[in-house]
PDB file of all heavy atoms in Angstrom:
ATOM      1  N   ALA A   1       0.889  -1.167   0.027  1.00  0.00           N
ATOM      2  CA  ALA A   1      -0.089  -0.045  -0.024  1.00  0.00           C
ATOM      3  C   ALA A   1       0.901   1.236   0.016  1.00  0.00           C
ATOM      4  O   ALA A   1       0.506   2.239  -0.666  1.00  0.00           O
ATOM      5  CB  ALA A   1      -0.882  -0.094   1.192  1.00  0.00           C
ATOM      6  N   GLU A   2       1.883   1.128   0.766  1.00  0.00           N
ATOM      7  CA  GLU A   2       2.854   2.373   0.866  1.00  0.00           C
ATOM      8  C   GLU A   2       3.408   2.660  -0.560  1.00  0.00           C
ATOM      9  O   GLU A   2       3.572   3.776  -1.046  1.00  0.00           O
ATOM     10  CB  GLU A   2       3.927   2.196   1.808  1.00  0.00           C
ATOM     11  CG  GLU A   2       3.503   2.368   3.344  1.00  0.00           C
ATOM     12  CD  GLU A   2       2.944   3.682   3.549  1.00  0.00           C
ATOM     13  OE1 GLU A   2       3.586   4.665   3.129  1.00  0.00           O
ATOM     14  OE2 GLU A   2       1.798   3.717   4.182  1.00  0.00           O
ATOM     15  N   ASN A   3       3.774   1.556  -1.262  1.00  0.00           N
ATOM     16  CA  ASN A   3       4.396   1.724  -2.566  1.00  0.00           C
ATOM     17  C   ASN A   3       3.323   2.380  -3.482  1.00  0.00           C
ATOM     18  O   ASN A   3       3.647   3.273  -4.358  1.00  0.00           O
ATOM     19  CB  ASN A   3       4.664   0.357  -3.158  1.00  0.00           C
ATOM     20  CG  ASN A   3       6.202   0.248  -3.527  1.00  0.00           C
ATOM     21  OD1 ASN A   3       7.042   0.943  -2.887  1.00  0.00           O
ATOM     22  ND2 ASN A   3       6.539  -0.679  -4.419  1.00  0.00           N
ATOM     23  N   LEU A   4       2.026   1.899  -3.503  1.00  0.00           N
ATOM     24  CA  LEU A   4       1.113   2.419  -4.413  1.00  0.00           C
ATOM     25  C   LEU A   4       0.704   3.813  -4.056  1.00  0.00           C
ATOM     26  O   LEU A   4       0.320   4.690  -4.767  1.00  0.00           O
ATOM     27  CB  LEU A   4      -0.243   1.544  -4.302  1.00  0.00           C
ATOM     28  CG  LEU A   4      -0.021   0.208  -5.075  1.00  0.00           C
ATOM     29  CD1 LEU A   4      -1.093  -0.811  -4.640  1.00  0.00           C
ATOM     30  CD2 LEU A   4       0.017   0.423  -6.590  1.00  0.00           C
ATOM     31  N   LYS A   5       0.681   4.133  -2.649  1.00  0.00           N
ATOM     32  CA  LYS A   5       0.450   5.539  -2.307  1.00  0.00           C
ATOM     33  C   LYS A   5       1.366   6.478  -2.848  1.00  0.00           C
ATOM     34  O   LYS A   5       1.008   7.598  -3.174  1.00  0.00           O
ATOM     35  CB  LYS A   5       0.415   5.568  -0.708  1.00  0.00           C
ATOM     36  CG  LYS A   5      -0.860   4.950  -0.071  1.00  0.00           C
ATOM     37  CD  LYS A   5      -0.693   4.757   1.447  1.00  0.00           C
ATOM     38  CE  LYS A   5      -0.602   5.903   2.232  1.00  0.00           C
ATOM     39  NZ  LYS A   5      -0.425   5.756   3.661  1.00  0.00           N
ATOM     40  N   GLU A   6       2.603   6.068  -2.853  1.00  0.00           N
ATOM     41  CA  GLU A   6       3.700   6.968  -3.592  1.00  0.00           C
ATOM     42  C   GLU A   6       3.372   7.177  -4.957  1.00  0.00           C
ATOM     43  O   GLU A   6       3.462   8.312  -5.586  1.00  0.00           O
ATOM     44  CB  GLU A   6       5.034   6.321  -3.300  1.00  0.00           C
ATOM     45  CG  GLU A   6       5.531   6.292  -1.931  1.00  0.00           C
ATOM     46  CD  GLU A   6       6.811   5.672  -1.811  1.00  0.00           C
ATOM     47  OE1 GLU A   6       7.516   5.336  -2.857  1.00  0.00           O
ATOM     48  OE2 GLU A   6       7.320   5.330  -0.619  1.00  0.00           O
ATOM     49  N   LEU A   7       2.968   6.145  -5.688  1.00  0.00           N
ATOM     50  CA  LEU A   7       2.644   6.182  -7.074  1.00  0.00           C
ATOM     51  C   LEU A   7       1.357   7.078  -7.253  1.00  0.00           C
ATOM     52  O   LEU A   7       1.338   7.945  -8.208  1.00  0.00           O
ATOM     53  CB  LEU A   7       2.422   4.768  -7.708  1.00  0.00           C
ATOM     54  CG  LEU A   7       3.640   3.960  -7.906  1.00  0.00           C
ATOM     55  CD1 LEU A   7       3.299   2.517  -8.118  1.00  0.00           C
ATOM     56  CD2 LEU A   7       4.579   4.521  -8.926  1.00  0.00           C
ATOM     57  N   VAL A   8       0.362   6.967  -6.398  1.00  0.00           N
ATOM     58  CA  VAL A   8      -0.812   7.842  -6.586  1.00  0.00           C
ATOM     59  C   VAL A   8      -0.480   9.229  -6.319  1.00  0.00           C
ATOM     60  O   VAL A   8      -0.881  10.160  -7.085  1.00  0.00           O
ATOM     61  CB  VAL A   8      -1.835   7.332  -5.550  1.00  0.00           C
ATOM     62  CG1 VAL A   8      -2.933   8.410  -5.418  1.00  0.00           C
ATOM     63  CG2 VAL A   8      -2.376   5.952  -5.896  1.00  0.00           C
ATOM     64  N   LYS A   9       0.447   9.500  -5.383  1.00  0.00           N
ATOM     65  CA  LYS A   9       0.852  10.878  -5.138  1.00  0.00           C
ATOM     66  C   LYS A   9       1.614  11.517  -6.298  1.00  0.00           C
ATOM     67  O   LYS A   9       1.407  12.640  -6.674  1.00  0.00           O
ATOM     68  CB  LYS A   9       1.737  10.902  -3.850  1.00  0.00           C
ATOM     69  CG  LYS A   9       2.306  12.296  -3.468  1.00  0.00           C
ATOM     70  CD  LYS A   9       3.032  12.303  -2.202  1.00  0.00           C
ATOM     71  CE  LYS A   9       3.700  13.708  -1.899  1.00  0.00           C
ATOM     72  NZ  LYS A   9       4.490  13.597  -0.645  1.00  0.00           N
ATOM     73  N   ASP A  10       2.624  10.628  -6.946  1.00  0.00           N
ATOM     74  CA  ASP A  10       3.285  11.094  -8.104  1.00  0.00           C
ATOM     75  C   ASP A  10       2.532  11.300  -9.302  1.00  0.00           C
ATOM     76  O   ASP A  10       2.885  12.098 -10.225  1.00  0.00           O
ATOM     77  CB  ASP A  10       4.601  10.118  -8.231  1.00  0.00           C
ATOM     78  CG  ASP A  10       5.566  10.297  -7.155  1.00  0.00           C
ATOM     79  OD1 ASP A  10       5.445  11.341  -6.391  1.00  0.00           O
ATOM     80  OD2 ASP A  10       6.234   9.286  -7.001  1.00  0.00           O
ATOM     81  N   HIS A  11       1.452  10.413  -9.418  1.00  0.00           N
ATOM     82  CA  HIS A  11       0.643  10.408 -10.652  1.00  0.00           C
ATOM     83  C   HIS A  11      -0.852  10.469 -10.298  1.00  0.00           C
ATOM     84  O   HIS A  11      -1.586   9.466 -10.516  1.00  0.00           O
ATOM     85  CB  HIS A  11       0.955   9.118 -11.486  1.00  0.00           C
ATOM     86  CG  HIS A  11       2.444   9.003 -11.745  1.00  0.00           C
ATOM     87  ND1 HIS A  11       3.005   9.717 -12.844  1.00  0.00           N
ATOM     88  CD2 HIS A  11       3.361   8.233 -11.168  1.00  0.00           C
ATOM     89  CE1 HIS A  11       4.206   9.396 -12.749  1.00  0.00           C
ATOM     90  NE2 HIS A  11       4.602   8.572 -11.809  1.00  0.00           N
ATOM     91  N   PRO A  12      -1.437  11.670  -9.772  1.00  0.00           N
ATOM     92  CA  PRO A  12      -2.746  11.656  -9.248  1.00  0.00           C
ATOM     93  C   PRO A  12      -3.818  11.442 -10.497  1.00  0.00           C
ATOM     94  O   PRO A  12      -4.908  11.213 -10.131  1.00  0.00           O
ATOM     95  CB  PRO A  12      -2.847  13.092  -8.758  1.00  0.00           C
ATOM     96  CG  PRO A  12      -1.684  13.869  -9.440  1.00  0.00           C
ATOM     97  CD  PRO A  12      -0.675  12.786  -9.575  1.00  0.00           C
ATOM     98  N   ASP A  13      -3.384  11.569 -11.687  1.00  0.00           N
ATOM     99  CA  ASP A  13      -4.380  11.382 -12.854  1.00  0.00           C
ATOM    100  C   ASP A  13      -4.285   9.985 -13.405  1.00  0.00           C
ATOM    101  O   ASP A  13      -4.925   9.728 -14.376  1.00  0.00           O
ATOM    102  CB  ASP A  13      -3.976  12.365 -13.930  1.00  0.00           C
ATOM    103  CG  ASP A  13      -4.225  13.773 -13.468  1.00  0.00           C
ATOM    104  OD1 ASP A  13      -5.155  14.006 -12.624  1.00  0.00           O
ATOM    105  OD2 ASP A  13      -3.597  14.708 -13.965  1.00  0.00           O
ATOM    106  N   ASN A  14      -3.547   9.100 -12.710  1.00  0.00           N
ATOM    107  CA  ASN A  14      -3.461   7.678 -13.224  1.00  0.00           C
ATOM    108  C   ASN A  14      -4.428   6.865 -12.528  1.00  0.00           C
ATOM    109  O   ASN A  14      -4.262   6.601 -11.280  1.00  0.00           O
ATOM    110  CB  ASN A  14      -2.012   7.191 -13.010  1.00  0.00           C
ATOM    111  CG  ASN A  14      -1.743   5.773 -13.762  1.00  0.00           C
ATOM    112  OD1 ASN A  14      -2.608   4.920 -13.573  1.00  0.00           O
ATOM    113  ND2 ASN A  14      -0.752   5.618 -14.427  1.00  0.00           N
ATOM    114  N   PRO A  15      -5.423   6.329 -13.247  1.00  0.00           N
ATOM    115  CA  PRO A  15      -6.471   5.684 -12.497  1.00  0.00           C
ATOM    116  C   PRO A  15      -6.007   4.171 -11.965  1.00  0.00           C
ATOM    117  O   PRO A  15      -6.570   3.662 -11.012  1.00  0.00           O
ATOM    118  CB  PRO A  15      -7.608   5.465 -13.526  1.00  0.00           C
ATOM    119  CG  PRO A  15      -7.043   5.601 -14.886  1.00  0.00           C
ATOM    120  CD  PRO A  15      -5.804   6.583 -14.592  1.00  0.00           C
ATOM    121  N   THR A  16      -5.036   3.666 -12.680  1.00  0.00           N
ATOM    122  CA  THR A  16      -4.611   2.300 -12.263  1.00  0.00           C
ATOM    123  C   THR A  16      -4.106   2.145 -10.917  1.00  0.00           C
ATOM    124  O   THR A  16      -4.463   1.319 -10.069  1.00  0.00           O
ATOM    125  CB  THR A  16      -3.569   1.885 -13.258  1.00  0.00           C
ATOM    126  OG1 THR A  16      -4.037   1.675 -14.595  1.00  0.00           O
ATOM    127  CG2 THR A  16      -3.054   0.443 -12.846  1.00  0.00           C
ATOM    128  N   TYR A  17      -3.322   3.168 -10.515  1.00  0.00           N
ATOM    129  CA  TYR A  17      -2.742   3.139  -9.152  1.00  0.00           C
ATOM    130  C   TYR A  17      -3.786   3.360  -8.051  1.00  0.00           C
ATOM    131  O   TYR A  17      -3.793   2.761  -7.064  1.00  0.00           O
ATOM    132  CB  TYR A  17      -1.574   4.274  -9.028  1.00  0.00           C
ATOM    133  CG  TYR A  17      -0.444   4.176 -10.074  1.00  0.00           C
ATOM    134  CD1 TYR A  17       0.147   5.394 -10.577  1.00  0.00           C
ATOM    135  CD2 TYR A  17      -0.010   2.946 -10.381  1.00  0.00           C
ATOM    136  CE1 TYR A  17       1.130   5.183 -11.515  1.00  0.00           C
ATOM    137  CE2 TYR A  17       1.073   2.791 -11.250  1.00  0.00           C
ATOM    138  CZ  TYR A  17       1.603   3.892 -11.885  1.00  0.00           C
ATOM    139  OH  TYR A  17       2.660   3.891 -12.747  1.00  0.00           O
ATOM    140  N   LYS A  18      -4.788   4.190  -8.400  1.00  0.00           N
ATOM    141  CA  LYS A  18      -5.882   4.435  -7.398  1.00  0.00           C
ATOM    142  C   LYS A  18      -6.718   3.150  -7.170  1.00  0.00           C
ATOM    143  O   LYS A  18      -7.084   2.712  -6.183  1.00  0.00           O
ATOM    144  CB  LYS A  18      -6.728   5.624  -7.852  1.00  0.00           C
ATOM    145  CG  LYS A  18      -6.039   6.881  -7.588  1.00  0.00           C
ATOM    146  CD  LYS A  18      -6.912   8.099  -8.000  1.00  0.00           C
ATOM    147  CE  LYS A  18      -6.356   9.380  -7.692  1.00  0.00           C
ATOM    148  NZ  LYS A  18      -7.198  10.605  -8.078  1.00  0.00           N
ATOM    149  N   ASN A  19      -6.988   2.523  -8.383  1.00  0.00           N
ATOM    150  CA  ASN A  19      -7.776   1.340  -8.345  1.00  0.00           C
ATOM    151  C   ASN A  19      -7.111   0.197  -7.528  1.00  0.00           C
ATOM    152  O   ASN A  19      -7.673  -0.416  -6.708  1.00  0.00           O
ATOM    153  CB  ASN A  19      -8.127   0.830  -9.845  1.00  0.00           C
ATOM    154  CG  ASN A  19      -8.748  -0.605  -9.697  1.00  0.00           C
ATOM    155  OD1 ASN A  19     -10.004  -0.593  -9.507  1.00  0.00           O
ATOM    156  ND2 ASN A  19      -7.986  -1.612 -10.160  1.00  0.00           N
ATOM    157  N   ASP A  20      -5.787  -0.012  -7.922  1.00  0.00           N
ATOM    158  CA  ASP A  20      -5.139  -1.041  -7.251  1.00  0.00           C
ATOM    159  C   ASP A  20      -4.963  -0.844  -5.675  1.00  0.00           C
ATOM    160  O   ASP A  20      -5.083  -1.751  -4.903  1.00  0.00           O
ATOM    161  CB  ASP A  20      -3.727  -1.228  -7.815  1.00  0.00           C
ATOM    162  CG  ASP A  20      -3.810  -1.811  -9.284  1.00  0.00           C
ATOM    163  OD1 ASP A  20      -4.887  -1.844  -9.722  1.00  0.00           O
ATOM    164  OD2 ASP A  20      -2.727  -2.336  -9.716  1.00  0.00           O
ATOM    165  N   LEU A  21      -4.665   0.406  -5.359  1.00  0.00           N
ATOM    166  CA  LEU A  21      -4.579   0.711  -3.958  1.00  0.00           C
ATOM    167  C   LEU A  21      -5.857   0.448  -3.278  1.00  0.00           C
ATOM    168  O   LEU A  21      -5.944  -0.209  -2.115  1.00  0.00           O
ATOM    169  CB  LEU A  21      -4.120   2.134  -3.721  1.00  0.00           C
ATOM    170  CG  LEU A  21      -4.047   2.633  -2.267  1.00  0.00           C
ATOM    171  CD1 LEU A  21      -3.237   1.783  -1.472  1.00  0.00           C
ATOM    172  CD2 LEU A  21      -3.556   4.127  -2.134  1.00  0.00           C
ATOM    173  N   GLY A  22      -7.106   0.946  -3.844  1.00  0.00           N
ATOM    174  CA  GLY A  22      -8.373   0.703  -3.275  1.00  0.00           C
ATOM    175  C   GLY A  22      -8.641  -0.710  -3.205  1.00  0.00           C
ATOM    176  O   GLY A  22      -9.199  -1.198  -2.051  1.00  0.00           O
ATOM    177  N   PHE A  23      -8.339  -1.517  -4.179  1.00  0.00           N
ATOM    178  CA  PHE A  23      -8.651  -3.012  -4.223  1.00  0.00           C
ATOM    179  C   PHE A  23      -7.839  -3.644  -3.162  1.00  0.00           C
ATOM    180  O   PHE A  23      -8.493  -4.436  -2.430  1.00  0.00           O
ATOM    181  CB  PHE A  23      -8.433  -3.593  -5.581  1.00  0.00           C
ATOM    182  CG  PHE A  23      -8.789  -4.983  -5.485  1.00  0.00           C
ATOM    183  CD1 PHE A  23     -10.055  -5.446  -5.657  1.00  0.00           C
ATOM    184  CD2 PHE A  23      -7.741  -5.950  -5.432  1.00  0.00           C
ATOM    185  CE1 PHE A  23     -10.324  -6.857  -5.664  1.00  0.00           C
ATOM    186  CE2 PHE A  23      -7.958  -7.286  -5.354  1.00  0.00           C
ATOM    187  CZ  PHE A  23      -9.287  -7.813  -5.438  1.00  0.00           C
ATOM    188  N   ILE A  24      -6.680  -3.411  -3.047  1.00  0.00           N
ATOM    189  CA  ILE A  24      -5.706  -4.068  -1.948  1.00  0.00           C
ATOM    190  C   ILE A  24      -6.253  -3.792  -0.600  1.00  0.00           C
ATOM    191  O   ILE A  24      -6.426  -4.861   0.116  1.00  0.00           O
ATOM    192  CB  ILE A  24      -4.237  -3.613  -2.108  1.00  0.00           C
ATOM    193  CG1 ILE A  24      -3.618  -4.224  -3.465  1.00  0.00           C
ATOM    194  CG2 ILE A  24      -3.549  -4.048  -0.885  1.00  0.00           C
ATOM    195  CD1 ILE A  24      -2.256  -3.620  -3.758  1.00  0.00           C
TER     196      ILE A  24
END
């Protein structure tokens, strides 16, 4: 989750990272 949170922060317009973090 920490890894994905970093990716979401760096790429707030990328839906894949948000979906994966939410699903996990």
